[in-house]
Each structure stands twice: as C-alpha cells, then as structure tokens.
Amino acid sequence: MIWKVPEQISYLSEYYELAPGDVILSGTPSGVAAIEKGDVMEVEVEGLGQLSVVVV
C-alpha cells in the first residue's frame, strides 16, 4: 500500500467527518487482478453481519 492506514484516516478526516463504524475502501495493491463482471465481493464485520455483492 502506498499510504498506511493511519495516514489514510488522517487525510480523509480533513475532508469528511468520520464516525465509528465508517468503512474506508482504499482499492487494491499492485499485483491484484482487476474486478470483473461476475466476481463476488464479500465483507464481514464481526457482530454486524455479512455483505456479498456480485459485479454486473
């Protein structure tokens, strides 16, 4: 990653009011394939639940 997580939070907090529970999506590091039609993206937050999204 180009910027460490604390650096990203610091930068974004200059422009947005961040609150507990906010999710910051930062993209992918080099060497990771691009998202394509039909891919499934999944995320799980402990105590909150899961989310699955199919790319169309």
PDB file of N, CA and C in Angstrom:
ATOM      1  N   MET A   1       0.842  -1.179   0.000  1.00  0.00           N
ATOM      2  CA  MET A   1       0.000   0.000   0.000  1.00  0.00           C
ATOM      3  C   MET A   1       0.884   1.238   0.000  1.00  0.00           C
ATOM      4  N   ILE A   2       0.447   2.243  -0.703  1.00  0.00           N
ATOM      5  CA  ILE A   2       1.213   3.481  -0.784  1.00  0.00           C
ATOM      6  C   ILE A   2       1.160   4.225   0.544  1.00  0.00           C
ATOM      7  N   TRP A   3      -0.047   4.315   1.136  1.00  0.00           N
ATOM      8  CA  TRP A   3      -0.200   5.005   2.418  1.00  0.00           C
ATOM      9  C   TRP A   3      -0.649   4.022   3.477  1.00  0.00           C
ATOM     10  N   LYS A   4      -0.114   4.154   4.663  1.00  0.00           N
ATOM     11  CA  LYS A   4      -0.516   3.313   5.782  1.00  0.00           C
ATOM     12  C   LYS A   4      -1.917   3.730   6.243  1.00  0.00           C
ATOM     13  N   VAL A   5      -2.607   2.811   6.915  1.00  0.00           N
ATOM     14  CA  VAL A   5      -3.985   3.065   7.346  1.00  0.00           C
ATOM     15  C   VAL A   5      -4.101   4.344   8.176  1.00  0.00           C
ATOM     16  N   PRO A   6      -3.241   4.582   9.184  1.00  0.00           N
ATOM     17  CA  PRO A   6      -3.369   5.833   9.946  1.00  0.00           C
ATOM     18  C   PRO A   6      -3.232   7.084   9.078  1.00  0.00           C
ATOM     19  N   GLU A   7      -2.383   7.021   8.041  1.00  0.00           N
ATOM     20  CA  GLU A   7      -2.227   8.157   7.131  1.00  0.00           C
ATOM     21  C   GLU A   7      -3.508   8.387   6.329  1.00  0.00           C
ATOM     22  N   GLN A   8      -4.145   7.298   5.883  1.00  0.00           N
ATOM     23  CA  GLN A   8      -5.391   7.424   5.128  1.00  0.00           C
ATOM     24  C   GLN A   8      -6.490   8.050   5.993  1.00  0.00           C
ATOM     25  N   ILE A   9      -6.596   7.574   7.226  1.00  0.00           N
ATOM     26  CA  ILE A   9      -7.612   8.105   8.139  1.00  0.00           C
ATOM     27  C   ILE A   9      -7.363   9.584   8.401  1.00  0.00           C
ATOM     28  N   SER A  10      -6.118   9.942   8.631  1.00  0.00           N
ATOM     29  CA  SER A  10      -5.774  11.342   8.891  1.00  0.00           C
ATOM     30  C   SER A  10      -6.138  12.223   7.703  1.00  0.00           C
ATOM     31  N   TYR A  11      -5.780  11.781   6.502  1.00  0.00           N
ATOM     32  CA  TYR A  11      -6.071  12.564   5.299  1.00  0.00           C
ATOM     33  C   TYR A  11      -7.581  12.714   5.083  1.00  0.00           C
ATOM     34  N   LEU A  12      -8.296  11.601   5.148  1.00  0.00           N
ATOM     35  CA  LEU A  12      -9.737  11.644   4.895  1.00  0.00           C
ATOM     36  C   LEU A  12     -10.480  12.466   5.937  1.00  0.00           C
ATOM     37  N   SER A  13      -9.999  12.445   7.171  1.00  0.00           N
ATOM     38  CA  SER A  13     -10.684  13.190   8.234  1.00  0.00           C
ATOM     39  C   SER A  13     -10.554  14.704   8.042  1.00  0.00           C
ATOM     40  N   GLU A  14      -9.662  15.137   7.165  1.00  0.00           N
ATOM     41  CA  GLU A  14      -9.576  16.562   6.844  1.00  0.00           C
ATOM     42  C   GLU A  14     -10.761  17.007   5.984  1.00  0.00           C
ATOM     43  N   TYR A  15     -11.377  16.063   5.267  1.00  0.00           N
ATOM     44  CA  TYR A  15     -12.449  16.384   4.320  1.00  0.00           C
ATOM     45  C   TYR A  15     -13.817  15.828   4.720  1.00  0.00           C
ATOM     46  N   TYR A  16     -13.813  14.781   5.553  1.00  0.00           N
ATOM     47  CA  TYR A  16     -15.055  14.111   5.939  1.00  0.00           C
ATOM     48  C   TYR A  16     -15.087  13.928   7.448  1.00  0.00           C
ATOM     49  N   GLU A  17     -16.275  13.987   8.006  1.00  0.00           N
ATOM     50  CA  GLU A  17     -16.438  13.684   9.420  1.00  0.00           C
ATOM     51  C   GLU A  17     -16.587  12.173   9.543  1.00  0.00           C
ATOM     52  N   LEU A  18     -15.556  11.521  10.058  1.00  0.00           N
ATOM     53  CA  LEU A  18     -15.568  10.069  10.197  1.00  0.00           C
ATOM     54  C   LEU A  18     -16.168   9.706  11.553  1.00  0.00           C
ATOM     55  N   ALA A  19     -16.936   8.623  11.562  1.00  0.00           N
ATOM     56  CA  ALA A  19     -17.584   8.177  12.791  1.00  0.00           C
ATOM     57  C   ALA A  19     -17.306   6.690  12.999  1.00  0.00           C
ATOM     58  N   PRO A  20     -17.410   6.224  14.233  1.00  0.00           N
ATOM     59  CA  PRO A  20     -17.235   4.783  14.483  1.00  0.00           C
ATOM     60  C   PRO A  20     -18.169   3.984  13.587  1.00  0.00           C
ATOM     61  N   GLY A  21     -17.626   2.949  12.974  1.00  0.00           N
ATOM     62  CA  GLY A  21     -18.415   2.115  12.068  1.00  0.00           C
ATOM     63  C   GLY A  21     -18.264   2.482  10.611  1.00  0.00           C
ATOM     64  N   ASP A  22     -17.675   3.647  10.316  1.00  0.00           N
ATOM     65  CA  ASP A  22     -17.427   4.006   8.920  1.00  0.00           C
ATOM     66  C   ASP A  22     -16.463   3.009   8.299  1.00  0.00           C
ATOM     67  N   VAL A  23     -16.631   2.751   7.014  1.00  0.00           N
ATOM     68  CA  VAL A  23     -15.756   1.842   6.277  1.00  0.00           C
ATOM     69  C   VAL A  23     -15.033   2.646   5.211  1.00  0.00           C
ATOM     70  N   ILE A  24     -13.716   2.500   5.152  1.00  0.00           N
ATOM     71  CA  ILE A  24     -12.907   3.182   4.145  1.00  0.00           C
ATOM     72  C   ILE A  24     -12.427   2.124   3.158  1.00  0.00           C
ATOM     73  N   LEU A  25     -12.810   2.265   1.895  1.00  0.00           N
ATOM     74  CA  LEU A  25     -12.370   1.352   0.845  1.00  0.00           C
ATOM     75  C   LEU A  25     -11.252   2.035   0.085  1.00  0.00           C
ATOM     76  N   SER A  26     -10.090   1.395   0.035  1.00  0.00           N
ATOM     77  CA  SER A  26      -8.916   2.078  -0.492  1.00  0.00           C
ATOM     78  C   SER A  26      -8.382   1.501  -1.796  1.00  0.00           C
ATOM     79  N   GLY A  27      -9.019   0.502  -2.352  1.00  0.00           N
ATOM     80  CA  GLY A  27      -8.507  -0.069  -3.592  1.00  0.00           C
ATOM     81  C   GLY A  27      -7.624  -1.271  -3.332  1.00  0.00           C
ATOM     82  N   THR A  28      -6.841  -1.635  -4.328  1.00  0.00           N
ATOM     83  CA  THR A  28      -6.028  -2.838  -4.215  1.00  0.00           C
ATOM     84  C   THR A  28      -4.559  -2.531  -4.464  1.00  0.00           C
ATOM     85  N   PRO A  29      -3.663  -3.288  -3.838  1.00  0.00           N
ATOM     86  CA  PRO A  29      -2.234  -3.109  -4.094  1.00  0.00           C
ATOM     87  C   PRO A  29      -1.855  -3.697  -5.455  1.00  0.00           C
ATOM     88  N   SER A  30      -0.672  -3.363  -5.925  1.00  0.00           N
ATOM     89  CA  SER A  30      -0.230  -3.883  -7.220  1.00  0.00           C
ATOM     90  C   SER A  30      -0.150  -5.403  -7.179  1.00  0.00           C
ATOM     91  N   GLY A  31      -0.375  -6.024  -8.336  1.00  0.00           N
ATOM     92  CA  GLY A  31      -0.315  -7.474  -8.426  1.00  0.00           C
ATOM     93  C   GLY A  31      -1.656  -8.150  -8.217  1.00  0.00           C
ATOM     94  N   VAL A  32      -2.674  -7.395  -7.842  1.00  0.00           N
ATOM     95  CA  VAL A  32      -4.006  -7.952  -7.646  1.00  0.00           C
ATOM     96  C   VAL A  32      -4.817  -7.703  -8.910  1.00  0.00           C
ATOM     97  N   ALA A  33      -5.525  -8.713  -9.368  1.00  0.00           N
ATOM     98  CA  ALA A  33      -6.291  -8.589 -10.612  1.00  0.00           C
ATOM     99  C   ALA A  33      -7.445  -7.604 -10.460  1.00  0.00           C
ATOM    100  N   ALA A  34      -7.845  -7.015 -11.558  1.00  0.00           N
ATOM    101  CA  ALA A  34      -8.974  -6.083 -11.576  1.00  0.00           C
ATOM    102  C   ALA A  34     -10.278  -6.836 -11.317  1.00  0.00           C
ATOM    103  N   ILE A  35     -11.257  -6.127 -10.798  1.00  0.00           N
ATOM    104  CA  ILE A  35     -12.580  -6.702 -10.595  1.00  0.00           C
ATOM    105  C   ILE A  35     -13.254  -6.809 -11.948  1.00  0.00           C
ATOM    106  N   GLU A  36     -13.899  -7.965 -12.192  1.00  0.00           N
ATOM    107  CA  GLU A  36     -14.556  -8.190 -13.481  1.00  0.00           C
ATOM    108  C   GLU A  36     -15.995  -8.624 -13.282  1.00  0.00           C
ATOM    109  N   LYS A  37     -16.784  -8.490 -14.332  1.00  0.00           N
ATOM    110  CA  LYS A  37     -18.181  -8.913 -14.315  1.00  0.00           C
ATOM    111  C   LYS A  37     -18.263 -10.363 -13.846  1.00  0.00           C
ATOM    112  N   GLY A  38     -19.167 -10.611 -12.899  1.00  0.00           N
ATOM    113  CA  GLY A  38     -19.344 -11.967 -12.371  1.00  0.00           C
ATOM    114  C   GLY A  38     -18.574 -12.224 -11.082  1.00  0.00           C
ATOM    115  N   ASP A  39     -17.593 -11.374 -10.763  1.00  0.00           N
ATOM    116  CA  ASP A  39     -16.867 -11.526  -9.495  1.00  0.00           C
ATOM    117  C   ASP A  39     -17.808 -11.291  -8.326  1.00  0.00           C
ATOM    118  N   VAL A  40     -17.515 -11.914  -7.205  1.00  0.00           N
ATOM    119  CA  VAL A  40     -18.292 -11.720  -5.989  1.00  0.00           C
ATOM    120  C   VAL A  40     -17.381 -11.096  -4.945  1.00  0.00           C
ATOM    121  N   MET A  41     -17.820  -9.969  -4.400  1.00  0.00           N
ATOM    122  CA  MET A  41     -17.071  -9.303  -3.333  1.00  0.00           C
ATOM    123  C   MET A  41     -17.827  -9.534  -2.033  1.00  0.00           C
ATOM    124  N   GLU A  42     -17.100  -9.970  -1.007  1.00  0.00           N
ATOM    125  CA  GLU A  42     -17.717 -10.267   0.275  1.00  0.00           C
ATOM    126  C   GLU A  42     -16.971  -9.570   1.397  1.00  0.00           C
ATOM    127  N   VAL A  43     -17.732  -9.109   2.372  1.00  0.00           N
ATOM    128  CA  VAL A  43     -17.136  -8.493   3.551  1.00  0.00           C
ATOM    129  C   VAL A  43     -17.944  -8.947   4.764  1.00  0.00           C
ATOM    130  N   GLU A  44     -17.257  -9.123   5.878  1.00  0.00           N
ATOM    131  CA  GLU A  44     -17.931  -9.483   7.119  1.00  0.00           C
ATOM    132  C   GLU A  44     -17.397  -8.617   8.241  1.00  0.00           C
ATOM    133  N   VAL A  45     -18.298  -8.061   9.026  1.00  0.00           N
ATOM    134  CA  VAL A  45     -17.930  -7.270  10.195  1.00  0.00           C
ATOM    135  C   VAL A  45     -18.454  -8.024  11.407  1.00  0.00           C
ATOM    136  N   GLU A  46     -17.531  -8.444  12.259  1.00  0.00           N
ATOM    137  CA  GLU A  46     -17.908  -9.212  13.437  1.00  0.00           C
ATOM    138  C   GLU A  46     -18.952  -8.461  14.268  1.00  0.00           C
ATOM    139  N   GLY A  47     -20.002  -9.160  14.616  1.00  0.00           N
ATOM    140  CA  GLY A  47     -21.061  -8.557  15.410  1.00  0.00           C
ATOM    141  C   GLY A  47     -22.075  -7.777  14.593  1.00  0.00           C
ATOM    142  N   LEU A  48     -21.813  -7.597  13.317  1.00  0.00           N
ATOM    143  CA  LEU A  48     -22.718  -6.814  12.465  1.00  0.00           C
ATOM    144  C   LEU A  48     -23.339  -7.684  11.372  1.00  0.00           C
ATOM    145  N   GLY A  49     -22.520  -8.461  10.682  1.00  0.00           N
ATOM    146  CA  GLY A  49     -23.045  -9.344   9.637  1.00  0.00           C
ATOM    147  C   GLY A  49     -22.167  -9.381   8.412  1.00  0.00           C
ATOM    148  N   GLN A  50     -22.720  -9.983   7.347  1.00  0.00           N
ATOM    149  CA  GLN A  50     -22.003 -10.158   6.099  1.00  0.00           C
ATOM    150  C   GLN A  50     -22.707  -9.412   4.960  1.00  0.00           C
ATOM    151  N   LEU A  51     -21.924  -9.067   3.931  1.00  0.00           N
ATOM    152  CA  LEU A  51     -22.456  -8.453   2.721  1.00  0.00           C
ATOM    153  C   LEU A  51     -21.759  -9.099   1.534  1.00  0.00           C
ATOM    154  N   SER A  52     -22.538  -9.551   0.550  1.00  0.00           N
ATOM    155  CA  SER A  52     -22.000 -10.102  -0.689  1.00  0.00           C
ATOM    156  C   SER A  52     -22.557  -9.291  -1.844  1.00  0.00           C
ATOM    157  N   VAL A  53     -21.691  -8.938  -2.794  1.00  0.00           N
ATOM    158  CA  VAL A  53     -22.088  -8.162  -3.964  1.00  0.00           C
ATOM    159  C   VAL A  53     -21.533  -8.846  -5.196  1.00  0.00           C
ATOM    160  N   VAL A  54     -22.411  -9.088  -6.181  1.00  0.00           N
ATOM    161  CA  VAL A  54     -21.993  -9.649  -7.461  1.00  0.00           C
ATOM    162  C   VAL A  54     -21.774  -8.488  -8.427  1.00  0.00           C
ATOM    163  N   VAL A  55     -20.612  -8.451  -9.064  1.00  0.00           N
ATOM    164  CA  VAL A  55     -20.289  -7.380 -10.016  1.00  0.00           C
ATOM    165  C   VAL A  55     -21.022  -7.637 -11.317  1.00  0.00           C
ATOM    166  N   VAL A  56     -21.761  -6.616 -11.784  1.00  0.00           N
ATOM    167  CA  VAL A  56     -22.511  -6.766 -13.049  1.00  0.00           C
ATOM    168  C   VAL A  56     -21.991  -5.811 -14.106  1.00  0.00           C
TER     169      VAL A  56
END
